[in-house]
């Protein structure tokens, strides 16, 4: 990071995400407005990451609790192939620590209910390819407070729960899965 680096925190963005979602009825127009804010644009994050985390969940209290101390501007995002085995024990934030396992208990239900709007094709992706339709967001735990090793699921907890549940049931699960991974710049 340069000496003049100005950190950016989730609380600075949370009011922008909530405000644009609440005041602009069209989700596409609201997201377009959100990503044009200078503080958001300066992050240089891919649109899919911005939308899944900061736009849709930027004001979510558990996310604010778990990631409020993370300097968002210190994260660079890339797509990586992650072995299925890594997802079987990968944690999520402490405030929602058990949610992945809750989804894993009934993966067929969570696939079945995702069949409308942007979720069209979820069941087909699992049946045909043994993976999700949309890449989840993972972050290198060395960026968190307190820092740790490995990766953590930021968004996509339902997807990872479905993977775990399908694996336990012996259903088709690909050996590796694409995911957005946030690492230190």
N, C-alpha and C. Protein backbone atom coordinates (compact mmCIF):
# COMPACT_ATOMS: atom_id res chain seq x y z
N UNK A 1 0.84 -1.19 0.00
CA UNK A 1 0.00 0.00 0.00
C UNK A 1 0.88 1.25 0.00
N UNK A 2 0.49 2.25 -0.78
CA UNK A 2 1.25 3.50 -0.80
C UNK A 2 1.17 4.21 0.56
N UNK A 3 2.14 5.07 0.83
CA UNK A 3 2.18 5.80 2.10
C UNK A 3 0.94 6.67 2.31
N UNK A 4 0.34 7.17 1.24
CA UNK A 4 -0.83 8.04 1.35
C UNK A 4 -2.15 7.25 1.26
N UNK A 5 -2.08 5.96 1.48
CA UNK A 5 -3.27 5.09 1.39
C UNK A 5 -4.33 5.49 2.41
N UNK A 6 -5.57 5.65 1.91
CA UNK A 6 -6.71 5.95 2.76
C UNK A 6 -7.57 4.69 2.85
N UNK A 7 -7.66 4.07 4.02
CA UNK A 7 -8.47 2.86 4.13
C UNK A 7 -9.96 3.16 3.90
N UNK A 8 -10.66 2.13 3.45
CA UNK A 8 -12.11 2.21 3.23
C UNK A 8 -12.75 1.08 4.01
N UNK A 9 -13.76 1.43 4.81
CA UNK A 9 -14.42 0.44 5.65
C UNK A 9 -15.89 0.30 5.27
N UNK A 10 -16.44 -0.84 5.61
CA UNK A 10 -17.81 -1.19 5.25
C UNK A 10 -18.81 -0.15 5.74
N UNK A 11 -18.61 0.39 6.92
CA UNK A 11 -19.56 1.38 7.46
C UNK A 11 -19.66 2.63 6.59
N UNK A 12 -18.58 2.95 5.87
CA UNK A 12 -18.58 4.11 4.97
C UNK A 12 -19.43 3.84 3.72
N UNK A 13 -19.61 2.58 3.40
CA UNK A 13 -20.33 2.20 2.18
C UNK A 13 -21.75 1.74 2.49
N UNK A 14 -22.00 1.33 3.73
CA UNK A 14 -23.30 0.73 4.08
C UNK A 14 -24.48 1.67 3.83
N UNK A 15 -24.33 2.94 4.13
CA UNK A 15 -25.45 3.86 3.89
C UNK A 15 -25.68 4.09 2.40
N UNK A 16 -24.62 4.01 1.61
CA UNK A 16 -24.77 4.16 0.16
C UNK A 16 -25.53 2.97 -0.43
N UNK A 17 -25.19 1.77 0.02
CA UNK A 17 -25.88 0.59 -0.53
C UNK A 17 -27.35 0.60 -0.13
N UNK A 18 -27.63 0.86 1.14
CA UNK A 18 -29.02 0.90 1.59
C UNK A 18 -29.79 2.02 0.90
N UNK A 19 -29.19 3.18 0.79
CA UNK A 19 -29.87 4.33 0.20
C UNK A 19 -30.22 4.12 -1.27
N UNK A 20 -29.29 3.56 -2.04
CA UNK A 20 -29.60 3.36 -3.46
C UNK A 20 -30.62 2.24 -3.65
N UNK A 21 -30.55 1.20 -2.85
CA UNK A 21 -31.54 0.12 -2.96
C UNK A 21 -32.94 0.61 -2.60
N UNK A 22 -33.02 1.51 -1.61
CA UNK A 22 -34.32 1.98 -1.12
C UNK A 22 -34.92 3.10 -1.98
N UNK A 23 -34.10 3.89 -2.64
CA UNK A 23 -34.63 5.05 -3.37
C UNK A 23 -34.78 4.84 -4.87
N UNK A 24 -34.11 3.85 -5.42
CA UNK A 24 -34.21 3.59 -6.86
C UNK A 24 -34.89 2.23 -7.03
N UNK A 25 -36.09 2.25 -7.61
CA UNK A 25 -36.91 1.04 -7.69
C UNK A 25 -36.32 -0.03 -8.59
N UNK A 26 -35.66 0.34 -9.65
CA UNK A 26 -35.09 -0.63 -10.58
C UNK A 26 -33.74 -1.12 -10.05
N UNK A 27 -33.60 -2.41 -9.76
CA UNK A 27 -32.34 -2.92 -9.20
C UNK A 27 -31.12 -2.65 -10.08
N UNK A 28 -31.29 -2.71 -11.39
CA UNK A 28 -30.16 -2.47 -12.29
C UNK A 28 -29.72 -1.01 -12.21
N UNK A 29 -30.68 -0.10 -12.20
CA UNK A 29 -30.35 1.33 -12.08
C UNK A 29 -29.75 1.64 -10.71
N UNK A 30 -30.28 1.01 -9.67
CA UNK A 30 -29.76 1.23 -8.32
C UNK A 30 -28.31 0.77 -8.22
N UNK A 31 -28.01 -0.41 -8.77
CA UNK A 31 -26.63 -0.89 -8.72
C UNK A 31 -25.71 0.01 -9.54
N UNK A 32 -26.17 0.46 -10.69
CA UNK A 32 -25.37 1.36 -11.53
C UNK A 32 -25.03 2.64 -10.78
N UNK A 33 -26.02 3.19 -10.08
CA UNK A 33 -25.79 4.39 -9.26
C UNK A 33 -24.79 4.08 -8.14
N UNK A 34 -24.98 2.96 -7.47
CA UNK A 34 -24.12 2.57 -6.35
C UNK A 34 -22.66 2.46 -6.78
N UNK A 35 -22.41 1.75 -7.86
CA UNK A 35 -21.02 1.53 -8.28
C UNK A 35 -20.35 2.79 -8.79
N UNK A 36 -21.15 3.84 -9.09
CA UNK A 36 -20.57 5.08 -9.57
C UNK A 36 -20.12 6.02 -8.44
N UNK A 37 -20.50 5.73 -7.21
CA UNK A 37 -20.02 6.56 -6.10
C UNK A 37 -18.50 6.48 -6.05
N UNK A 38 -17.81 7.61 -5.89
CA UNK A 38 -16.34 7.60 -5.93
C UNK A 38 -15.70 6.62 -4.94
N UNK A 39 -16.22 6.51 -3.74
CA UNK A 39 -15.62 5.62 -2.75
C UNK A 39 -15.74 4.15 -3.18
N UNK A 40 -16.83 3.82 -3.89
CA UNK A 40 -17.04 2.46 -4.38
C UNK A 40 -16.19 2.23 -5.62
N UNK A 41 -16.22 3.15 -6.55
CA UNK A 41 -15.45 3.01 -7.79
C UNK A 41 -13.95 2.91 -7.50
N UNK A 42 -13.47 3.63 -6.48
CA UNK A 42 -12.04 3.63 -6.14
C UNK A 42 -11.55 2.26 -5.70
N UNK A 43 -12.45 1.40 -5.24
CA UNK A 43 -12.03 0.06 -4.82
C UNK A 43 -11.51 -0.75 -6.01
N UNK A 44 -12.07 -0.51 -7.20
CA UNK A 44 -11.64 -1.24 -8.38
C UNK A 44 -12.06 -2.71 -8.37
N UNK A 45 -13.13 -3.01 -7.65
CA UNK A 45 -13.59 -4.40 -7.54
C UNK A 45 -14.44 -4.79 -8.74
N UNK A 46 -14.46 -6.07 -9.10
CA UNK A 46 -15.36 -6.53 -10.17
C UNK A 46 -16.83 -6.29 -9.79
N UNK A 47 -17.66 -6.03 -10.78
CA UNK A 47 -19.08 -5.75 -10.53
C UNK A 47 -19.76 -6.87 -9.75
N UNK A 48 -19.46 -8.12 -10.07
CA UNK A 48 -20.12 -9.24 -9.38
C UNK A 48 -19.81 -9.23 -7.89
N UNK A 49 -18.59 -8.90 -7.53
CA UNK A 49 -18.20 -8.82 -6.11
C UNK A 49 -18.89 -7.63 -5.46
N UNK A 50 -18.85 -6.48 -6.12
CA UNK A 50 -19.54 -5.30 -5.58
C UNK A 50 -21.01 -5.60 -5.33
N UNK A 51 -21.66 -6.24 -6.30
CA UNK A 51 -23.09 -6.48 -6.18
C UNK A 51 -23.40 -7.48 -5.08
N UNK A 52 -22.69 -8.61 -5.05
CA UNK A 52 -23.01 -9.64 -4.06
C UNK A 52 -22.74 -9.19 -2.63
N UNK A 53 -21.66 -8.46 -2.43
CA UNK A 53 -21.30 -8.13 -1.05
C UNK A 53 -21.73 -6.71 -0.68
N UNK A 54 -21.12 -5.73 -1.29
CA UNK A 54 -21.31 -4.36 -0.83
C UNK A 54 -22.69 -3.79 -1.15
N UNK A 55 -23.22 -4.09 -2.33
CA UNK A 55 -24.53 -3.55 -2.70
C UNK A 55 -25.66 -4.29 -2.00
N UNK A 56 -25.66 -5.61 -2.09
CA UNK A 56 -26.77 -6.38 -1.53
C UNK A 56 -26.69 -6.55 -0.02
N UNK A 57 -25.47 -6.59 0.53
CA UNK A 57 -25.33 -6.90 1.96
C UNK A 57 -24.49 -5.89 2.73
N UNK A 58 -24.18 -4.76 2.12
CA UNK A 58 -23.30 -3.79 2.75
C UNK A 58 -23.82 -3.22 4.05
N UNK A 59 -25.14 -3.23 4.24
CA UNK A 59 -25.71 -2.71 5.49
C UNK A 59 -26.26 -3.82 6.38
N UNK A 60 -25.95 -5.06 6.06
CA UNK A 60 -26.41 -6.21 6.84
C UNK A 60 -25.65 -6.24 8.17
N UNK A 61 -26.36 -6.17 9.32
CA UNK A 61 -25.67 -6.10 10.62
C UNK A 61 -24.63 -7.20 10.87
N UNK A 62 -24.91 -8.49 10.55
CA UNK A 62 -23.84 -9.48 10.75
C UNK A 62 -22.60 -9.20 9.91
N UNK A 63 -22.79 -8.70 8.68
CA UNK A 63 -21.63 -8.39 7.85
C UNK A 63 -20.86 -7.20 8.42
N UNK A 64 -21.59 -6.21 8.92
CA UNK A 64 -20.92 -5.07 9.55
C UNK A 64 -20.12 -5.52 10.76
N UNK A 65 -20.68 -6.45 11.53
CA UNK A 65 -19.97 -6.96 12.72
C UNK A 65 -18.74 -7.77 12.31
N UNK A 66 -18.89 -8.63 11.33
CA UNK A 66 -17.79 -9.53 10.95
C UNK A 66 -16.70 -8.86 10.12
N UNK A 67 -17.08 -7.90 9.28
CA UNK A 67 -16.12 -7.33 8.33
C UNK A 67 -15.94 -5.84 8.47
N UNK A 68 -16.50 -5.24 9.51
CA UNK A 68 -16.41 -3.80 9.71
C UNK A 68 -15.00 -3.28 9.89
N UNK A 69 -14.10 -4.11 10.40
CA UNK A 69 -12.72 -3.69 10.63
C UNK A 69 -11.77 -3.99 9.48
N UNK A 70 -12.29 -4.54 8.39
CA UNK A 70 -11.45 -4.89 7.24
C UNK A 70 -11.32 -3.68 6.32
N UNK A 71 -10.09 -3.35 5.97
CA UNK A 71 -9.85 -2.27 5.01
C UNK A 71 -10.17 -2.82 3.62
N UNK A 72 -11.32 -2.45 3.10
CA UNK A 72 -11.77 -2.97 1.81
C UNK A 72 -10.82 -2.60 0.67
N UNK A 73 -10.17 -1.45 0.80
CA UNK A 73 -9.27 -1.02 -0.27
C UNK A 73 -7.98 -1.83 -0.30
N UNK A 74 -7.76 -2.68 0.69
CA UNK A 74 -6.56 -3.52 0.72
C UNK A 74 -6.79 -4.87 0.05
N UNK A 75 -8.00 -5.08 -0.51
CA UNK A 75 -8.35 -6.37 -1.10
C UNK A 75 -8.36 -6.27 -2.62
N UNK A 76 -7.73 -7.24 -3.26
CA UNK A 76 -7.83 -7.41 -4.71
C UNK A 76 -8.55 -8.73 -4.95
N UNK A 77 -9.38 -8.78 -5.97
CA UNK A 77 -10.20 -9.95 -6.25
C UNK A 77 -9.77 -10.64 -7.52
N UNK A 78 -9.79 -11.96 -7.48
CA UNK A 78 -9.53 -12.77 -8.66
C UNK A 78 -10.36 -14.03 -8.59
N UNK A 79 -10.53 -14.68 -9.72
CA UNK A 79 -11.27 -15.93 -9.77
C UNK A 79 -10.27 -17.07 -9.63
N UNK A 80 -10.57 -18.00 -8.72
CA UNK A 80 -9.68 -19.14 -8.49
C UNK A 80 -10.50 -20.42 -8.45
N UNK A 81 -9.88 -21.50 -8.86
CA UNK A 81 -10.47 -22.82 -8.70
C UNK A 81 -10.10 -23.35 -7.32
N UNK A 82 -11.09 -23.72 -6.55
CA UNK A 82 -10.87 -24.19 -5.18
C UNK A 82 -11.35 -25.64 -5.10
N UNK A 83 -10.54 -26.50 -4.53
CA UNK A 83 -10.90 -27.90 -4.38
C UNK A 83 -12.15 -28.04 -3.51
N UNK A 84 -13.02 -28.95 -3.91
CA UNK A 84 -14.27 -29.18 -3.16
C UNK A 84 -13.98 -29.48 -1.69
N UNK A 85 -12.93 -30.22 -1.42
CA UNK A 85 -12.61 -30.58 -0.03
C UNK A 85 -12.41 -29.36 0.86
N UNK A 86 -11.87 -28.28 0.30
CA UNK A 86 -11.66 -27.07 1.10
C UNK A 86 -12.99 -26.49 1.58
N UNK A 87 -14.02 -26.60 0.76
CA UNK A 87 -15.32 -26.04 1.13
C UNK A 87 -16.01 -26.83 2.24
N UNK A 88 -15.59 -28.07 2.45
CA UNK A 88 -16.26 -28.93 3.43
C UNK A 88 -16.05 -28.45 4.86
N UNK A 89 -14.99 -27.68 5.09
CA UNK A 89 -14.72 -27.18 6.45
C UNK A 89 -14.51 -25.67 6.49
N UNK A 90 -14.64 -25.00 5.36
CA UNK A 90 -14.39 -23.56 5.30
C UNK A 90 -15.42 -22.80 6.15
N UNK A 91 -14.94 -21.91 7.03
CA UNK A 91 -15.88 -21.16 7.87
C UNK A 91 -16.47 -19.95 7.16
N UNK A 92 -17.46 -19.38 7.80
CA UNK A 92 -17.98 -18.07 7.42
C UNK A 92 -17.77 -17.17 8.63
N UNK A 93 -18.28 -15.95 8.58
CA UNK A 93 -18.09 -15.01 9.68
C UNK A 93 -18.67 -15.53 10.99
N UNK A 94 -18.12 -15.09 12.12
CA UNK A 94 -18.56 -15.60 13.43
C UNK A 94 -20.02 -15.33 13.77
N UNK A 95 -20.61 -14.25 13.25
CA UNK A 95 -22.01 -13.97 13.62
C UNK A 95 -22.98 -14.95 12.96
N UNK A 96 -22.59 -15.52 11.84
CA UNK A 96 -23.42 -16.51 11.14
C UNK A 96 -22.71 -17.86 11.06
N UNK A 97 -21.93 -18.18 12.07
CA UNK A 97 -21.03 -19.33 12.03
C UNK A 97 -21.69 -20.65 11.69
N UNK A 98 -22.98 -20.83 12.01
CA UNK A 98 -23.63 -22.12 11.79
C UNK A 98 -24.53 -22.13 10.55
N UNK A 99 -24.61 -21.04 9.82
CA UNK A 99 -25.58 -20.99 8.71
C UNK A 99 -25.22 -21.94 7.57
N UNK A 100 -23.95 -22.13 7.26
CA UNK A 100 -23.59 -23.04 6.18
C UNK A 100 -24.07 -24.45 6.50
N UNK A 101 -23.90 -24.87 7.75
CA UNK A 101 -24.37 -26.20 8.14
C UNK A 101 -25.89 -26.29 8.11
N UNK A 102 -26.57 -25.21 8.41
CA UNK A 102 -28.04 -25.23 8.31
C UNK A 102 -28.47 -25.48 6.87
N UNK A 103 -27.82 -24.84 5.91
CA UNK A 103 -28.13 -25.06 4.50
C UNK A 103 -27.74 -26.48 4.07
N UNK A 104 -26.64 -27.00 4.63
CA UNK A 104 -26.16 -28.33 4.26
C UNK A 104 -27.11 -29.44 4.68
N UNK A 105 -27.92 -29.18 5.71
CA UNK A 105 -28.85 -30.21 6.19
C UNK A 105 -29.91 -30.59 5.17
N UNK A 106 -30.26 -29.67 4.28
CA UNK A 106 -31.30 -29.96 3.29
C UNK A 106 -30.95 -29.30 1.95
N UNK A 107 -29.89 -29.77 1.30
CA UNK A 107 -29.44 -29.11 0.07
C UNK A 107 -30.48 -29.16 -1.05
N UNK A 108 -31.26 -30.24 -1.11
CA UNK A 108 -32.26 -30.34 -2.17
C UNK A 108 -33.30 -29.22 -2.07
N UNK A 109 -33.68 -28.89 -0.85
CA UNK A 109 -34.64 -27.79 -0.66
C UNK A 109 -34.06 -26.48 -1.18
N UNK A 110 -32.81 -26.19 -0.83
CA UNK A 110 -32.21 -24.90 -1.20
C UNK A 110 -31.96 -24.80 -2.70
N UNK A 111 -31.75 -25.93 -3.36
CA UNK A 111 -31.66 -25.92 -4.82
C UNK A 111 -33.04 -25.70 -5.41
N UNK A 112 -34.04 -26.41 -4.89
CA UNK A 112 -35.41 -26.35 -5.42
C UNK A 112 -36.01 -24.95 -5.32
N UNK A 113 -35.78 -24.23 -4.23
CA UNK A 113 -36.41 -22.92 -4.07
C UNK A 113 -35.72 -21.84 -4.90
N UNK A 114 -34.56 -22.14 -5.44
CA UNK A 114 -33.85 -21.18 -6.28
C UNK A 114 -34.12 -21.50 -7.75
N UNK A 115 -35.31 -21.10 -8.21
CA UNK A 115 -35.68 -21.40 -9.59
C UNK A 115 -36.34 -20.22 -10.30
N UNK A 116 -36.36 -19.06 -9.67
CA UNK A 116 -37.00 -17.88 -10.26
C UNK A 116 -35.98 -16.76 -10.43
N UNK A 117 -36.27 -15.88 -11.36
CA UNK A 117 -35.43 -14.69 -11.56
C UNK A 117 -33.97 -15.03 -11.79
N UNK A 118 -33.07 -14.40 -11.04
CA UNK A 118 -31.64 -14.65 -11.26
C UNK A 118 -31.21 -16.07 -10.90
N UNK A 119 -32.08 -16.80 -10.22
CA UNK A 119 -31.74 -18.17 -9.81
C UNK A 119 -32.12 -19.23 -10.84
N UNK A 120 -32.75 -18.82 -11.94
CA UNK A 120 -33.09 -19.79 -12.98
C UNK A 120 -31.80 -20.47 -13.43
N UNK A 121 -31.81 -21.79 -13.45
CA UNK A 121 -30.65 -22.55 -13.88
C UNK A 121 -29.81 -23.11 -12.75
N UNK A 122 -30.13 -22.78 -11.50
CA UNK A 122 -29.35 -23.29 -10.37
C UNK A 122 -29.42 -24.82 -10.31
N UNK A 123 -30.61 -25.38 -10.39
CA UNK A 123 -30.76 -26.84 -10.32
C UNK A 123 -30.02 -27.51 -11.47
N UNK A 124 -30.11 -26.93 -12.66
CA UNK A 124 -29.42 -27.51 -13.82
C UNK A 124 -27.90 -27.47 -13.65
N UNK A 125 -27.38 -26.39 -13.06
CA UNK A 125 -25.94 -26.30 -12.83
C UNK A 125 -25.45 -27.41 -11.90
N UNK A 126 -26.20 -27.63 -10.83
CA UNK A 126 -25.82 -28.70 -9.90
C UNK A 126 -25.96 -30.06 -10.55
N UNK A 127 -27.06 -30.31 -11.26
CA UNK A 127 -27.30 -31.62 -11.87
C UNK A 127 -26.30 -31.92 -12.98
N UNK A 128 -25.98 -30.92 -13.79
CA UNK A 128 -25.12 -31.13 -14.94
C UNK A 128 -23.64 -31.02 -14.62
N UNK A 129 -23.28 -30.00 -13.84
CA UNK A 129 -21.87 -29.70 -13.61
C UNK A 129 -21.40 -29.98 -12.18
N UNK A 130 -22.34 -30.19 -11.26
CA UNK A 130 -21.95 -30.45 -9.88
C UNK A 130 -21.37 -29.23 -9.19
N UNK A 131 -21.83 -28.05 -9.61
CA UNK A 131 -21.33 -26.82 -9.00
C UNK A 131 -22.40 -25.74 -9.10
N UNK A 132 -22.10 -24.59 -8.52
CA UNK A 132 -23.02 -23.46 -8.50
C UNK A 132 -23.03 -22.71 -9.82
N UNK A 133 -24.05 -21.90 -9.96
CA UNK A 133 -24.23 -21.08 -11.16
C UNK A 133 -23.43 -19.77 -11.04
N UNK A 134 -23.39 -19.21 -9.84
CA UNK A 134 -22.71 -17.92 -9.61
C UNK A 134 -21.62 -18.13 -8.57
N UNK A 135 -20.45 -17.59 -8.84
CA UNK A 135 -19.31 -17.78 -7.97
C UNK A 135 -19.52 -17.10 -6.61
N UNK A 136 -19.25 -17.82 -5.52
CA UNK A 136 -19.33 -17.20 -4.20
C UNK A 136 -18.10 -16.31 -3.94
N UNK A 137 -18.14 -15.57 -2.84
CA UNK A 137 -17.03 -14.70 -2.45
C UNK A 137 -16.32 -15.29 -1.25
N UNK A 138 -15.02 -15.44 -1.38
CA UNK A 138 -14.17 -15.94 -0.30
C UNK A 138 -13.12 -14.88 -0.02
N UNK A 139 -12.67 -14.83 1.22
CA UNK A 139 -11.63 -13.86 1.56
C UNK A 139 -10.51 -14.60 2.30
N UNK A 140 -9.29 -14.19 2.02
CA UNK A 140 -8.13 -14.71 2.74
C UNK A 140 -8.24 -14.24 4.18
N UNK A 141 -8.24 -15.18 5.10
CA UNK A 141 -8.48 -14.85 6.52
C UNK A 141 -7.35 -14.04 7.14
N UNK A 142 -6.20 -13.90 6.46
CA UNK A 142 -5.13 -13.05 6.98
C UNK A 142 -5.54 -11.58 6.96
N UNK A 143 -6.59 -11.24 6.19
CA UNK A 143 -7.08 -9.87 6.11
C UNK A 143 -8.05 -9.52 7.25
N UNK A 144 -8.49 -10.53 7.99
CA UNK A 144 -9.52 -10.32 9.01
C UNK A 144 -8.90 -9.94 10.35
N UNK A 145 -9.77 -9.56 11.27
CA UNK A 145 -9.34 -9.22 12.62
C UNK A 145 -10.11 -10.08 13.60
N UNK A 146 -9.47 -11.01 14.27
CA UNK A 146 -8.05 -11.34 14.21
C UNK A 146 -7.72 -12.14 12.96
N UNK A 147 -6.49 -11.98 12.48
CA UNK A 147 -6.09 -12.72 11.28
C UNK A 147 -5.99 -14.22 11.57
N UNK A 148 -6.18 -15.01 10.53
CA UNK A 148 -6.07 -16.46 10.63
C UNK A 148 -5.56 -16.97 9.29
N UNK A 149 -5.47 -18.27 9.16
CA UNK A 149 -5.02 -18.86 7.90
C UNK A 149 -6.21 -19.43 7.14
N UNK A 150 -6.03 -19.60 5.84
CA UNK A 150 -7.05 -20.20 5.01
C UNK A 150 -8.02 -19.17 4.45
N UNK A 151 -9.12 -19.69 3.91
CA UNK A 151 -10.14 -18.85 3.30
C UNK A 151 -11.42 -18.89 4.11
N UNK A 152 -12.22 -17.85 3.97
CA UNK A 152 -13.51 -17.75 4.65
C UNK A 152 -14.58 -17.36 3.65
N UNK A 153 -15.77 -17.94 3.79
CA UNK A 153 -16.91 -17.61 2.92
C UNK A 153 -17.50 -16.29 3.40
N UNK A 154 -17.47 -15.29 2.54
CA UNK A 154 -18.12 -14.01 2.84
C UNK A 154 -19.56 -14.07 2.37
N UNK A 155 -19.75 -14.37 1.09
CA UNK A 155 -21.09 -14.48 0.51
C UNK A 155 -21.14 -15.73 -0.34
N UNK A 156 -22.29 -16.40 -0.29
CA UNK A 156 -22.44 -17.67 -0.98
C UNK A 156 -22.56 -18.81 0.02
N UNK A 157 -23.01 -18.46 1.22
CA UNK A 157 -23.12 -19.47 2.27
C UNK A 157 -24.14 -20.55 1.92
N UNK A 158 -25.22 -20.17 1.22
CA UNK A 158 -26.19 -21.17 0.77
C UNK A 158 -25.52 -22.10 -0.24
N UNK A 159 -24.79 -21.52 -1.18
CA UNK A 159 -24.11 -22.32 -2.21
C UNK A 159 -23.14 -23.32 -1.60
N UNK A 160 -22.35 -22.84 -0.64
CA UNK A 160 -21.39 -23.73 0.02
C UNK A 160 -22.12 -24.78 0.85
N UNK A 161 -23.21 -24.40 1.49
CA UNK A 161 -24.02 -25.37 2.23
C UNK A 161 -24.58 -26.44 1.32
N UNK A 162 -25.05 -26.05 0.14
CA UNK A 162 -25.56 -27.03 -0.83
C UNK A 162 -24.44 -27.97 -1.24
N UNK A 163 -23.26 -27.44 -1.51
CA UNK A 163 -22.11 -28.28 -1.87
C UNK A 163 -21.85 -29.31 -0.77
N UNK A 164 -21.79 -28.86 0.48
CA UNK A 164 -21.53 -29.78 1.60
C UNK A 164 -22.62 -30.84 1.70
N UNK A 165 -23.86 -30.41 1.62
CA UNK A 165 -24.97 -31.35 1.74
C UNK A 165 -24.98 -32.36 0.60
N UNK A 166 -24.77 -31.90 -0.62
CA UNK A 166 -24.73 -32.81 -1.77
C UNK A 166 -23.57 -33.79 -1.63
N UNK A 167 -22.44 -33.32 -1.16
CA UNK A 167 -21.28 -34.19 -0.94
C UNK A 167 -21.63 -35.30 0.06
N UNK A 168 -22.25 -34.94 1.16
CA UNK A 168 -22.64 -35.92 2.18
C UNK A 168 -23.65 -36.94 1.66
N UNK A 169 -24.54 -36.49 0.78
CA UNK A 169 -25.56 -37.36 0.22
C UNK A 169 -25.03 -38.24 -0.91
N UNK A 170 -23.82 -37.95 -1.37
CA UNK A 170 -23.27 -38.70 -2.49
C UNK A 170 -23.75 -38.21 -3.84
N UNK A 171 -24.33 -37.02 -3.88
CA UNK A 171 -24.78 -36.43 -5.14
C UNK A 171 -23.58 -35.87 -5.90
N UNK A 172 -23.81 -35.57 -7.16
CA UNK A 172 -22.75 -35.05 -8.02
C UNK A 172 -22.20 -33.73 -7.47
N UNK A 173 -20.90 -33.72 -7.22
CA UNK A 173 -20.17 -32.52 -6.80
C UNK A 173 -18.86 -32.51 -7.58
N UNK A 174 -18.60 -31.44 -8.28
CA UNK A 174 -17.36 -31.30 -9.05
C UNK A 174 -16.16 -31.35 -8.11
N UNK A 175 -15.00 -31.79 -8.60
CA UNK A 175 -13.81 -31.84 -7.74
C UNK A 175 -13.26 -30.46 -7.38
N UNK A 176 -13.58 -29.44 -8.19
CA UNK A 176 -13.14 -28.06 -7.91
C UNK A 176 -14.23 -27.10 -8.37
N UNK A 177 -14.23 -25.91 -7.75
CA UNK A 177 -15.29 -24.92 -7.99
C UNK A 177 -14.67 -23.54 -8.12
N UNK A 178 -15.18 -22.75 -9.06
CA UNK A 178 -14.70 -21.39 -9.21
C UNK A 178 -15.31 -20.50 -8.13
N UNK A 179 -14.51 -19.57 -7.65
CA UNK A 179 -14.95 -18.62 -6.63
C UNK A 179 -14.16 -17.33 -6.79
N UNK A 180 -14.78 -16.22 -6.41
CA UNK A 180 -14.07 -14.96 -6.28
C UNK A 180 -13.29 -15.05 -4.97
N UNK A 181 -12.00 -14.77 -5.03
CA UNK A 181 -11.16 -14.83 -3.83
C UNK A 181 -10.50 -13.47 -3.63
N UNK A 182 -10.72 -12.90 -2.44
CA UNK A 182 -10.12 -11.63 -2.08
C UNK A 182 -8.82 -11.87 -1.31
N UNK A 183 -7.77 -11.29 -1.80
CA UNK A 183 -6.44 -11.42 -1.16
C UNK A 183 -5.84 -10.03 -1.00
N UNK A 184 -4.79 -9.95 -0.20
CA UNK A 184 -4.12 -8.66 0.03
C UNK A 184 -3.53 -8.13 -1.26
N UNK A 185 -3.68 -6.83 -1.46
CA UNK A 185 -3.06 -6.17 -2.63
C UNK A 185 -1.56 -6.19 -2.50
